[in-house]
C-alpha atoms as a PDB file:
ATOM      1  CA  MET A   1      11.759  -6.457   4.273  1.00  0.00           C
ATOM      2  CA  SER A   2      13.579  -8.822   1.954  1.00  0.00           C
ATOM      3  CA  HIS A   3      12.859  -9.539  -1.675  1.00  0.00           C
ATOM      4  CA  ASP A   4      11.655 -12.995  -0.581  1.00  0.00           C
ATOM      5  CA  HIS A   5       9.275 -11.356   1.895  1.00  0.00           C
ATOM      6  CA  ASP A   6       7.903  -9.127  -0.893  1.00  0.00           C
ATOM      7  CA  ARG A   7       7.289 -12.162  -3.103  1.00  0.00           C
ATOM      8  CA  ASP A   8       5.720 -14.088  -0.222  1.00  0.00           C
ATOM      9  CA  PHE A   9       3.473 -11.139   0.626  1.00  0.00           C
ATOM     10  CA  GLU A  10       2.362 -10.704  -2.975  1.00  0.00           C
ATOM     11  CA  ALA A  11       1.859 -14.462  -3.481  1.00  0.00           C
ATOM     12  CA  GLU A  12      -0.249 -14.708  -0.312  1.00  0.00           C
ATOM     13  CA  ARG A  13      -2.265 -11.648  -1.325  1.00  0.00           C
ATOM     14  CA  GLU A  14      -2.920 -13.149  -4.760  1.00  0.00           C
ATOM     15  CA  ARG A  15      -3.853 -16.534  -3.279  1.00  0.00           C
ATOM     16  CA  LEU A  16      -6.322 -14.959  -0.881  1.00  0.00           C
ATOM     17  CA  ASN A  17      -7.784 -12.712  -3.573  1.00  0.00           C
ATOM     18  CA  ASP A  18      -8.322 -15.803  -5.733  1.00  0.00           C
ATOM     19  CA  LEU A  19     -10.149 -17.411  -2.819  1.00  0.00           C
ATOM     20  CA  VAL A  20     -12.330 -14.335  -2.368  1.00  0.00           C
ATOM     21  CA  MET A  21     -13.181 -14.413  -6.071  1.00  0.00           C
ATOM     22  CA  GLN A  22     -14.342 -18.033  -5.763  1.00  0.00           C
ATOM     23  CA  TYR A  23     -17.076 -16.797  -3.453  1.00  0.00           C
ATOM     24  CA  ALA A  24     -17.500 -13.282  -4.819  1.00  0.00           C
ATOM     25  CA  GLY A  25     -20.812 -12.049  -6.037  1.00  0.00           C
ATOM     26  CA  GLN A  26     -21.386  -8.992  -8.155  1.00  0.00           C
ATOM     27  CA  GLY A  27     -20.867  -6.530  -5.273  1.00  0.00           C
ATOM     28  CA  ILE A  28     -17.431  -7.832  -4.305  1.00  0.00           C
ATOM     29  CA  LYS A  29     -16.337  -8.079  -7.934  1.00  0.00           C
ATOM     30  CA  ARG A  30     -17.446  -4.512  -8.593  1.00  0.00           C
ATOM     31  CA  PHE A  31     -15.611  -3.254  -5.530  1.00  0.00           C
ATOM     32  CA  TYR A  32     -12.398  -5.017  -6.595  1.00  0.00           C
ATOM     33  CA  GLY A  33     -12.789  -3.562 -10.080  1.00  0.00           C
ATOM     34  CA  LEU A  34     -13.293  -0.066  -8.707  1.00  0.00           C
ATOM     35  CA  ASP A  35     -10.277  -0.458  -6.415  1.00  0.00           C
ATOM     36  CA  SER A  36      -8.119  -1.425  -9.370  1.00  0.00           C
ATOM     37  CA  GLN A  37      -9.477   1.359 -11.566  1.00  0.00           C
ATOM     38  CA  VAL A  38      -8.940   4.273  -9.175  1.00  0.00           C
ATOM     39  CA  TYR A  39      -5.197   3.637  -8.888  1.00  0.00           C
ATOM     40  CA  ARG A  40      -4.613   3.785 -12.654  1.00  0.00           C
ATOM     41  CA  GLU A  41      -2.867   6.746 -14.231  1.00  0.00           C
ATOM     42  CA  GLY A  42      -5.317   9.602 -14.782  1.00  0.00           C
ATOM     43  CA  ALA A  43      -5.422  13.273 -13.856  1.00  0.00           C
ATOM     44  CA  LEU A  44      -3.134  12.231 -11.004  1.00  0.00           C
ATOM     45  CA  PRO A  45      -0.063  10.113 -11.704  1.00  0.00           C
ATOM     46  CA  ALA A  46      -0.198   6.529 -10.427  1.00  0.00           C
ATOM     47  CA  SER A  47       2.648   7.335  -8.011  1.00  0.00           C
ATOM     48  CA  THR A  48       0.579  10.082  -6.376  1.00  0.00           C
ATOM     49  CA  LYS A  49      -2.419   7.784  -6.118  1.00  0.00           C
ATOM     50  CA  GLU A  50      -0.285   5.134  -4.412  1.00  0.00           C
ATOM     51  CA  MET A  51       0.963   7.719  -1.927  1.00  0.00           C
ATOM     52  CA  LEU A  52      -2.650   8.706  -1.230  1.00  0.00           C
ATOM     53  CA  GLY A  53      -3.414   5.042  -0.613  1.00  0.00           C
ATOM     54  CA  LEU A  54      -0.388   4.859   1.675  1.00  0.00           C
ATOM     55  CA  VAL A  55      -1.578   7.832   3.738  1.00  0.00           C
ATOM     56  CA  ALA A  56      -5.097   6.432   4.053  1.00  0.00           C
ATOM     57  CA  SER A  57      -3.714   3.035   5.037  1.00  0.00           C
ATOM     58  CA  LEU A  58      -1.466   4.558   7.680  1.00  0.00           C
ATOM     59  CA  VAL A  59      -4.353   6.572   9.142  1.00  0.00           C
ATOM     60  CA  LEU A  60      -6.548   3.453   9.157  1.00  0.00           C
ATOM     61  CA  ARG A  61      -3.653   1.438  10.638  1.00  0.00           C
ATOM     62  CA  CYS A  62      -3.800  -1.403   8.114  1.00  0.00           C
ATOM     63  CA  ASP A  63      -0.317  -2.956   7.961  1.00  0.00           C
ATOM     64  CA  ASP A  64      -1.148  -5.153   4.954  1.00  0.00           C
ATOM     65  CA  CYS A  65      -2.438  -2.125   3.069  1.00  0.00           C
ATOM     66  CA  ILE A  66       0.590  -0.050   4.068  1.00  0.00           C
ATOM     67  CA  GLU A  67       2.908  -2.782   2.820  1.00  0.00           C
ATOM     68  CA  TYR A  68       1.004  -3.125  -0.453  1.00  0.00           C
ATOM     69  CA  HIS A  69       1.103   0.620  -1.139  1.00  0.00           C
ATOM     70  CA  LEU A  70       4.795   0.824  -0.226  1.00  0.00           C
ATOM     71  CA  ILE A  71       5.543  -1.936  -2.742  1.00  0.00           C
ATOM     72  CA  ARG A  72       3.506  -0.073  -5.357  1.00  0.00           C
ATOM     73  CA  CYS A  73       5.214   3.234  -4.473  1.00  0.00           C
ATOM     74  CA  HIS A  74       8.577   1.532  -4.957  1.00  0.00           C
ATOM     75  CA  GLU A  75       7.441   0.127  -8.309  1.00  0.00           C
ATOM     76  CA  GLU A  76       6.234   3.606  -9.346  1.00  0.00           C
ATOM     77  CA  GLY A  77       9.626   5.159  -8.525  1.00  0.00           C
ATOM     78  CA  VAL A  78       8.526   7.202  -5.513  1.00  0.00           C
ATOM     79  CA  SER A  79      11.502   8.755  -3.714  1.00  0.00           C
ATOM     80  CA  ASP A  80      12.449   8.494  -0.055  1.00  0.00           C
ATOM     81  CA  ALA A  81      11.556  12.154   0.417  1.00  0.00           C
ATOM     82  CA  GLU A  82       8.112  11.643  -1.144  1.00  0.00           C
ATOM     83  CA  VAL A  83       7.397   8.632   1.077  1.00  0.00           C
ATOM     84  CA  GLU A  84       8.549  10.555   4.150  1.00  0.00           C
ATOM     85  CA  GLU A  85       6.294  13.519   3.335  1.00  0.00           C
ATOM     86  CA  ALA A  86       3.324  11.263   2.647  1.00  0.00           C
ATOM     87  CA  MET A  87       3.829   9.387   5.904  1.00  0.00           C
ATOM     88  CA  SER A  88       4.228  12.688   7.754  1.00  0.00           C
ATOM     89  CA  ILE A  89       0.753  13.629   6.566  1.00  0.00           C
ATOM     90  CA  GLY A  90      -0.558  10.261   7.729  1.00  0.00           C
ATOM     91  CA  LEU A  91       1.038  10.795  11.129  1.00  0.00           C
ATOM     92  CA  VAL A  92      -0.470  14.267  11.530  1.00  0.00           C
ATOM     93  CA  VAL A  93      -3.914  13.105  10.439  1.00  0.00           C
ATOM     94  CA  GLY A  94      -3.814   9.793  12.322  1.00  0.00           C
ATOM     95  CA  GLY A  95      -2.004  10.937  15.441  1.00  0.00           C
ATOM     96  CA  SER A  96       0.445   9.173  17.691  1.00  0.00           C
ATOM     97  CA  ILE A  97      -1.490   5.886  17.514  1.00  0.00           C
ATOM     98  CA  THR A  98      -0.067   5.458  14.001  1.00  0.00           C
ATOM     99  CA  ILE A  99       3.557   5.519  15.239  1.00  0.00           C
ATOM    100  CA  PRO A 100       3.932   1.698  15.522  1.00  0.00           C
ATOM    101  CA  HIS A 101       2.658   1.412  11.932  1.00  0.00           C
ATOM    102  CA  LEU A 102       4.965   4.225  10.860  1.00  0.00           C
ATOM    103  CA  ARG A 103       7.922   2.326  12.312  1.00  0.00           C
ATOM    104  CA  ARG A 104       7.035  -0.852  10.439  1.00  0.00           C
ATOM    105  CA  ALA A 105       6.370   1.162   7.281  1.00  0.00           C
ATOM    106  CA  PHE A 106       9.831   2.712   7.298  1.00  0.00           C
ATOM    107  CA  GLU A 107      11.353  -0.697   7.998  1.00  0.00           C
ATOM    108  CA  ALA A 108       9.457  -2.110   5.006  1.00  0.00           C
ATOM    109  CA  TRP A 109      10.461   0.844   2.805  1.00  0.00           C
ATOM    110  CA  ASP A 110      14.097   0.441   3.811  1.00  0.00           C
ATOM    111  CA  GLY A 111      13.917  -3.248   2.912  1.00  0.00           C
ATOM    112  CA  LEU A 112      12.423  -2.518  -0.496  1.00  0.00           C
ATOM    113  CA  LYS A 113      15.439  -0.398  -1.357  1.00  0.00           C
ATOM    114  CA  ASP A 114      17.776  -3.328  -0.627  1.00  0.00           C
ATOM    115  CA  ASP A 115      16.211  -5.404  -3.429  1.00  0.00           C
END
C-alpha cells in the first residue's frame, strides 16, 4: 500500500461518509457518533482499541474496515509484533476463511511502513 493509496482510501472514505450524512437521520448520526466515541482514549489506550477493531474486522472479513484500522494502528504507533499478535487472534477466531484477508492485511501493513 503506497502513501498515495492511503490518501485515496481516506479521501474516498470521507467523501462517502459525507454522502451518508446528507441522507442521515438521527439513528445513523448517533451510530456514527458512537463509533467515533468508542475508539477514543479511555480505560484502554486508543492503540488497543484500534487493534480490537482490527481483530473484529478480520473476523468479519471486511477489507475496508481492516485497512482503516491498520491505518489507525500505524498512526497510534502499534508495532509489527502487536499487529501480528492481534491478527493471530483474528485468524484463530475467524478460521481459515480469513486467510485471504490476512494476506491483504499484511500487505497493507507492510506498505504503511514504507511511507
